[in-house]
N, C-alpha and C. Protein backbone atom coordinates (compact mmCIF):
# COMPACT_ATOMS: atom_id res chain seq x y z
N UNK A 1 -81.72 10.07 -62.56
CA UNK A 1 -81.30 8.84 -63.21
C UNK A 1 -81.75 8.93 -64.66
N UNK A 2 -80.80 8.92 -65.57
CA UNK A 2 -81.10 9.11 -66.99
C UNK A 2 -80.86 7.81 -67.74
N UNK A 3 -81.93 7.29 -68.32
CA UNK A 3 -81.85 6.07 -69.12
C UNK A 3 -82.11 6.34 -70.60
N UNK A 4 -82.79 7.42 -70.91
CA UNK A 4 -83.17 7.76 -72.27
C UNK A 4 -81.94 7.96 -73.15
N UNK A 5 -81.90 7.28 -74.29
CA UNK A 5 -80.75 7.31 -75.18
C UNK A 5 -80.46 8.73 -75.67
N UNK A 6 -81.47 9.45 -76.09
CA UNK A 6 -81.26 10.81 -76.61
C UNK A 6 -80.69 11.73 -75.53
N UNK A 7 -81.21 11.63 -74.32
CA UNK A 7 -80.71 12.46 -73.23
C UNK A 7 -79.26 12.11 -72.88
N UNK A 8 -78.96 10.81 -72.87
CA UNK A 8 -77.59 10.39 -72.57
C UNK A 8 -76.62 10.90 -73.64
N UNK A 9 -77.05 10.89 -74.89
CA UNK A 9 -76.21 11.42 -75.97
C UNK A 9 -75.98 12.91 -75.81
N UNK A 10 -77.00 13.64 -75.37
CA UNK A 10 -76.83 15.07 -75.13
C UNK A 10 -75.92 15.34 -73.93
N UNK A 11 -76.04 14.51 -72.88
CA UNK A 11 -75.15 14.65 -71.73
C UNK A 11 -73.70 14.38 -72.14
N UNK A 12 -73.50 13.48 -73.09
CA UNK A 12 -72.16 13.16 -73.56
C UNK A 12 -71.48 14.36 -74.21
N UNK A 13 -72.25 15.35 -74.58
CA UNK A 13 -71.71 16.56 -75.21
C UNK A 13 -71.39 17.65 -74.18
N UNK A 14 -71.51 17.34 -72.90
CA UNK A 14 -71.22 18.32 -71.85
C UNK A 14 -69.79 18.84 -71.97
N UNK A 15 -68.84 17.96 -72.15
CA UNK A 15 -67.44 18.30 -72.40
C UNK A 15 -66.75 17.04 -72.94
N UNK A 16 -65.52 17.15 -73.44
CA UNK A 16 -64.87 16.00 -74.10
C UNK A 16 -64.76 14.73 -73.24
N UNK A 17 -64.69 14.86 -71.94
CA UNK A 17 -64.52 13.66 -71.08
C UNK A 17 -65.85 13.06 -70.66
N UNK A 18 -66.96 13.59 -71.16
CA UNK A 18 -68.28 13.07 -70.84
C UNK A 18 -68.79 12.10 -71.90
N UNK A 19 -67.96 11.80 -72.90
CA UNK A 19 -68.43 11.01 -74.03
C UNK A 19 -68.95 9.63 -73.66
N UNK A 20 -68.48 9.05 -72.55
CA UNK A 20 -68.94 7.71 -72.18
C UNK A 20 -70.40 7.69 -71.71
N UNK A 21 -70.99 8.86 -71.50
CA UNK A 21 -72.41 8.92 -71.12
C UNK A 21 -73.30 8.36 -72.21
N UNK A 22 -72.88 8.51 -73.47
CA UNK A 22 -73.69 8.02 -74.59
C UNK A 22 -73.78 6.49 -74.60
N UNK A 23 -72.70 5.82 -74.21
CA UNK A 23 -72.67 4.37 -74.28
C UNK A 23 -73.12 3.65 -73.02
N UNK A 24 -73.19 4.36 -71.91
CA UNK A 24 -73.60 3.72 -70.66
C UNK A 24 -75.12 3.54 -70.64
N UNK A 25 -75.61 2.45 -70.11
CA UNK A 25 -77.06 2.25 -70.07
C UNK A 25 -77.78 3.20 -69.12
N UNK A 26 -77.04 3.75 -68.16
CA UNK A 26 -77.65 4.68 -67.21
C UNK A 26 -76.60 5.72 -66.79
N UNK A 27 -77.08 6.95 -66.61
CA UNK A 27 -76.22 8.02 -66.12
C UNK A 27 -76.90 8.65 -64.92
N UNK A 28 -76.21 8.66 -63.80
CA UNK A 28 -76.69 9.36 -62.62
C UNK A 28 -76.20 10.80 -62.69
N UNK A 29 -77.08 11.74 -62.43
CA UNK A 29 -76.73 13.15 -62.40
C UNK A 29 -76.84 13.59 -60.95
N UNK A 30 -75.71 13.90 -60.34
CA UNK A 30 -75.68 14.24 -58.91
C UNK A 30 -75.91 15.75 -58.77
N UNK A 31 -77.01 16.09 -58.11
CA UNK A 31 -77.43 17.49 -57.94
C UNK A 31 -77.54 17.82 -56.46
N UNK A 32 -77.55 19.10 -56.17
CA UNK A 32 -77.72 19.54 -54.78
C UNK A 32 -78.39 20.91 -54.77
N UNK A 33 -79.03 21.20 -53.65
CA UNK A 33 -79.62 22.51 -53.45
C UNK A 33 -78.64 23.34 -52.64
N UNK A 34 -77.99 24.28 -53.31
CA UNK A 34 -76.95 25.08 -52.67
C UNK A 34 -77.50 25.86 -51.48
N UNK A 35 -78.75 26.28 -51.54
CA UNK A 35 -79.35 27.06 -50.44
C UNK A 35 -79.49 26.26 -49.16
N UNK A 36 -79.54 24.95 -49.26
CA UNK A 36 -79.77 24.12 -48.08
C UNK A 36 -78.52 23.89 -47.25
N UNK A 37 -77.34 24.04 -47.87
CA UNK A 37 -76.12 23.76 -47.12
C UNK A 37 -74.94 24.49 -47.75
N UNK A 38 -74.13 25.07 -46.91
CA UNK A 38 -72.90 25.69 -47.42
C UNK A 38 -71.86 24.61 -47.74
N UNK A 39 -72.18 23.38 -47.43
CA UNK A 39 -71.29 22.25 -47.69
C UNK A 39 -71.87 21.33 -48.77
N UNK A 40 -72.64 21.90 -49.69
CA UNK A 40 -73.30 21.07 -50.70
C UNK A 40 -72.30 20.30 -51.55
N UNK A 41 -71.14 20.89 -51.85
CA UNK A 41 -70.15 20.19 -52.68
C UNK A 41 -69.63 18.95 -51.95
N UNK A 42 -69.31 19.11 -50.67
CA UNK A 42 -68.81 17.97 -49.89
C UNK A 42 -69.90 16.90 -49.73
N UNK A 43 -71.13 17.33 -49.45
CA UNK A 43 -72.22 16.38 -49.28
C UNK A 43 -72.48 15.59 -50.56
N UNK A 44 -72.55 16.29 -51.68
CA UNK A 44 -72.81 15.62 -52.96
C UNK A 44 -71.62 14.77 -53.38
N UNK A 45 -70.41 15.19 -53.02
CA UNK A 45 -69.22 14.40 -53.33
C UNK A 45 -69.22 13.08 -52.55
N UNK A 46 -69.62 13.15 -51.28
CA UNK A 46 -69.70 11.92 -50.47
C UNK A 46 -70.75 10.98 -51.05
N UNK A 47 -71.88 11.53 -51.48
CA UNK A 47 -72.92 10.70 -52.09
C UNK A 47 -72.41 10.07 -53.39
N UNK A 48 -71.65 10.83 -54.16
CA UNK A 48 -71.09 10.31 -55.41
C UNK A 48 -70.12 9.17 -55.14
N UNK A 49 -69.25 9.35 -54.15
CA UNK A 49 -68.30 8.28 -53.82
C UNK A 49 -69.04 7.01 -53.39
N UNK A 50 -70.11 7.18 -52.62
CA UNK A 50 -70.91 6.01 -52.22
C UNK A 50 -71.52 5.32 -53.44
N UNK A 51 -71.97 6.10 -54.40
CA UNK A 51 -72.52 5.55 -55.64
C UNK A 51 -71.45 4.77 -56.40
N UNK A 52 -70.24 5.33 -56.50
CA UNK A 52 -69.15 4.64 -57.19
C UNK A 52 -68.77 3.34 -56.49
N UNK A 53 -68.72 3.36 -55.17
CA UNK A 53 -68.40 2.14 -54.41
C UNK A 53 -69.49 1.09 -54.57
N UNK A 54 -70.74 1.51 -54.57
CA UNK A 54 -71.85 0.57 -54.74
C UNK A 54 -71.78 -0.08 -56.12
N UNK A 55 -71.48 0.72 -57.15
CA UNK A 55 -71.36 0.17 -58.50
C UNK A 55 -70.23 -0.85 -58.56
N UNK A 56 -69.08 -0.53 -57.98
CA UNK A 56 -67.95 -1.46 -57.97
C UNK A 56 -68.31 -2.74 -57.24
N UNK A 57 -69.07 -2.62 -56.14
CA UNK A 57 -69.50 -3.79 -55.38
C UNK A 57 -70.43 -4.69 -56.17
N UNK A 58 -71.06 -4.15 -57.21
CA UNK A 58 -71.94 -4.93 -58.08
C UNK A 58 -71.23 -5.35 -59.37
N UNK A 59 -69.90 -5.20 -59.38
CA UNK A 59 -69.07 -5.50 -60.55
C UNK A 59 -69.47 -4.70 -61.78
N UNK A 60 -69.92 -3.47 -61.54
CA UNK A 60 -70.24 -2.56 -62.63
C UNK A 60 -69.12 -1.54 -62.77
N UNK A 61 -69.03 -0.96 -63.94
CA UNK A 61 -68.08 0.11 -64.16
C UNK A 61 -68.79 1.44 -63.97
N UNK A 62 -68.13 2.39 -63.37
CA UNK A 62 -68.69 3.73 -63.16
C UNK A 62 -67.53 4.71 -63.11
N UNK A 63 -67.82 5.93 -63.50
CA UNK A 63 -66.79 6.95 -63.49
C UNK A 63 -67.40 8.30 -63.13
N UNK A 64 -66.64 9.08 -62.38
CA UNK A 64 -67.04 10.43 -61.97
C UNK A 64 -66.68 11.36 -63.12
N UNK A 65 -67.67 12.00 -63.71
CA UNK A 65 -67.46 12.97 -64.78
C UNK A 65 -67.80 14.34 -64.20
N UNK A 66 -66.78 15.11 -63.89
CA UNK A 66 -66.99 16.41 -63.26
C UNK A 66 -67.77 17.38 -64.13
N UNK A 67 -68.64 18.13 -63.50
CA UNK A 67 -69.39 19.20 -64.16
C UNK A 67 -69.09 20.51 -63.44
N UNK A 68 -69.34 20.55 -62.12
CA UNK A 68 -69.01 21.69 -61.28
C UNK A 68 -67.50 21.80 -61.18
N UNK A 69 -66.92 22.97 -61.17
CA UNK A 69 -67.47 24.31 -61.01
C UNK A 69 -67.69 25.07 -62.32
N UNK A 70 -67.63 24.38 -63.46
CA UNK A 70 -67.80 25.06 -64.74
C UNK A 70 -69.27 25.39 -64.95
N UNK A 71 -69.62 26.65 -64.84
CA UNK A 71 -71.03 27.06 -64.93
C UNK A 71 -71.61 26.81 -66.32
N UNK A 72 -70.77 26.85 -67.35
CA UNK A 72 -71.26 26.56 -68.70
C UNK A 72 -71.68 25.09 -68.80
N UNK A 73 -70.88 24.20 -68.21
CA UNK A 73 -71.22 22.77 -68.21
C UNK A 73 -72.47 22.51 -67.38
N UNK A 74 -72.57 23.18 -66.23
CA UNK A 74 -73.78 23.05 -65.42
C UNK A 74 -75.01 23.49 -66.20
N UNK A 75 -74.90 24.61 -66.90
CA UNK A 75 -76.02 25.13 -67.69
C UNK A 75 -76.43 24.15 -68.79
N UNK A 76 -75.44 23.51 -69.40
CA UNK A 76 -75.74 22.53 -70.45
C UNK A 76 -76.55 21.36 -69.87
N UNK A 77 -76.07 20.80 -68.76
CA UNK A 77 -76.77 19.66 -68.15
C UNK A 77 -78.17 20.09 -67.70
N UNK A 78 -78.26 21.26 -67.10
CA UNK A 78 -79.55 21.78 -66.64
C UNK A 78 -80.53 21.91 -67.83
N UNK A 79 -80.04 22.42 -68.94
CA UNK A 79 -80.88 22.60 -70.13
C UNK A 79 -81.31 21.25 -70.70
N UNK A 80 -80.39 20.30 -70.79
CA UNK A 80 -80.71 18.97 -71.33
C UNK A 80 -81.81 18.31 -70.51
N UNK A 81 -81.72 18.42 -69.20
CA UNK A 81 -82.66 17.72 -68.32
C UNK A 81 -83.86 18.55 -67.91
N UNK A 82 -83.84 19.84 -68.21
CA UNK A 82 -84.94 20.71 -67.75
C UNK A 82 -84.90 20.90 -66.25
N UNK A 83 -83.72 20.85 -65.67
CA UNK A 83 -83.57 20.98 -64.21
C UNK A 83 -83.73 22.45 -63.81
N UNK A 84 -84.31 22.70 -62.65
CA UNK A 84 -84.51 24.08 -62.20
C UNK A 84 -83.18 24.78 -61.88
N UNK A 85 -83.21 26.10 -61.96
CA UNK A 85 -82.01 26.91 -61.75
C UNK A 85 -81.42 26.79 -60.35
N UNK A 86 -82.26 26.47 -59.34
CA UNK A 86 -81.73 26.42 -57.97
C UNK A 86 -80.92 25.15 -57.68
N UNK A 87 -80.92 24.19 -58.60
CA UNK A 87 -80.12 22.98 -58.41
C UNK A 87 -78.73 23.18 -58.98
N UNK A 88 -77.73 22.79 -58.23
CA UNK A 88 -76.36 22.78 -58.71
C UNK A 88 -76.06 21.36 -59.21
N UNK A 89 -75.30 21.27 -60.26
CA UNK A 89 -74.95 19.98 -60.85
C UNK A 89 -73.48 19.70 -60.52
N UNK A 90 -73.24 18.72 -59.67
CA UNK A 90 -71.87 18.39 -59.29
C UNK A 90 -71.18 17.56 -60.37
N UNK A 91 -71.84 16.48 -60.78
CA UNK A 91 -71.18 15.56 -61.70
C UNK A 91 -72.18 14.63 -62.38
N UNK A 92 -71.67 13.92 -63.36
CA UNK A 92 -72.39 12.84 -64.02
C UNK A 92 -71.68 11.54 -63.65
N UNK A 93 -72.44 10.48 -63.50
CA UNK A 93 -71.84 9.17 -63.21
C UNK A 93 -72.44 8.14 -64.17
N UNK A 94 -71.79 7.92 -65.32
CA UNK A 94 -72.25 6.85 -66.20
C UNK A 94 -71.92 5.49 -65.57
N UNK A 95 -72.89 4.58 -65.63
CA UNK A 95 -72.72 3.25 -65.01
C UNK A 95 -73.10 2.19 -66.03
N UNK A 96 -72.30 1.14 -66.11
CA UNK A 96 -72.59 0.03 -67.00
C UNK A 96 -71.62 -1.10 -66.76
N UNK A 97 -71.62 -2.03 -67.66
CA UNK A 97 -70.67 -3.14 -67.57
C UNK A 97 -69.35 -2.68 -68.17
N UNK A 98 -68.24 -2.87 -67.47
CA UNK A 98 -66.96 -2.35 -67.95
C UNK A 98 -66.54 -3.00 -69.28
N UNK A 99 -65.93 -2.20 -70.13
CA UNK A 99 -65.45 -2.68 -71.42
C UNK A 99 -64.16 -3.50 -71.29
N UNK A 100 -63.46 -3.32 -70.18
CA UNK A 100 -62.21 -4.05 -69.97
C UNK A 100 -62.05 -4.36 -68.49
N UNK A 101 -61.17 -5.30 -68.22
CA UNK A 101 -60.89 -5.67 -66.84
C UNK A 101 -59.43 -5.34 -66.56
N UNK A 102 -59.21 -4.53 -65.55
CA UNK A 102 -57.86 -4.14 -65.19
C UNK A 102 -57.55 -4.67 -63.79
N UNK A 103 -56.29 -5.01 -63.54
CA UNK A 103 -55.94 -5.46 -62.19
C UNK A 103 -56.04 -4.30 -61.21
N UNK A 104 -56.38 -4.59 -59.96
CA UNK A 104 -56.45 -3.52 -58.95
C UNK A 104 -55.10 -2.83 -58.80
N UNK A 105 -55.14 -1.56 -58.50
CA UNK A 105 -53.91 -0.82 -58.22
C UNK A 105 -54.19 0.18 -57.11
N UNK A 106 -53.13 0.66 -56.54
CA UNK A 106 -53.28 1.62 -55.46
C UNK A 106 -52.25 2.73 -55.63
N UNK A 107 -52.57 3.87 -55.13
CA UNK A 107 -51.64 4.99 -55.12
C UNK A 107 -51.15 5.24 -53.69
N UNK A 108 -51.38 4.24 -52.84
CA UNK A 108 -50.98 4.36 -51.45
C UNK A 108 -49.46 4.51 -51.34
N UNK A 109 -49.04 5.50 -50.59
CA UNK A 109 -47.62 5.76 -50.37
C UNK A 109 -47.41 5.86 -48.86
N UNK A 110 -46.85 4.81 -48.28
CA UNK A 110 -46.69 4.73 -46.83
C UNK A 110 -45.90 5.92 -46.28
N UNK A 111 -45.00 6.50 -47.07
CA UNK A 111 -44.20 7.62 -46.59
C UNK A 111 -45.04 8.89 -46.36
N UNK A 112 -46.27 8.90 -46.85
CA UNK A 112 -47.14 10.06 -46.67
C UNK A 112 -48.06 9.93 -45.46
N UNK A 113 -47.94 8.83 -44.74
CA UNK A 113 -48.77 8.59 -43.55
C UNK A 113 -47.92 8.90 -42.32
N UNK A 114 -48.46 9.72 -41.45
CA UNK A 114 -47.75 10.11 -40.23
C UNK A 114 -48.61 9.75 -39.03
N UNK A 115 -47.96 9.25 -37.98
CA UNK A 115 -48.67 8.87 -36.77
C UNK A 115 -48.29 9.81 -35.65
N UNK A 116 -49.27 10.31 -34.94
CA UNK A 116 -49.02 11.23 -33.84
C UNK A 116 -48.68 12.61 -34.38
N UNK A 117 -47.43 12.86 -34.59
CA UNK A 117 -46.98 14.16 -35.09
C UNK A 117 -46.47 13.99 -36.53
N UNK A 118 -46.42 15.08 -37.20
CA UNK A 118 -45.92 15.07 -38.56
C UNK A 118 -44.43 14.92 -38.52
């Protein structure tokens, strides 16, 4: 959990789509120990989705900023935070109060749902 302004500004330089890390009051950095599970990406992704849902439930804005699988981006985040080499960095999640309010939308397409057989 990164609250320090200087660190958040450095995280914002991870790649062009990470710029909102500088303005968010807090950035969660989702990490995993690859040695502990061959499914670390799926496990950390599920944890990230839970974090995003929790933020939305608190009327906060949050966004998934991908880091993995770009090893250069992982190295940048690791260097900024002083994280050990055995940790993999899945993503950054800046969280704060949203700058705008948008109506809910869905990408649900009923024609893509099949029951029983395809």
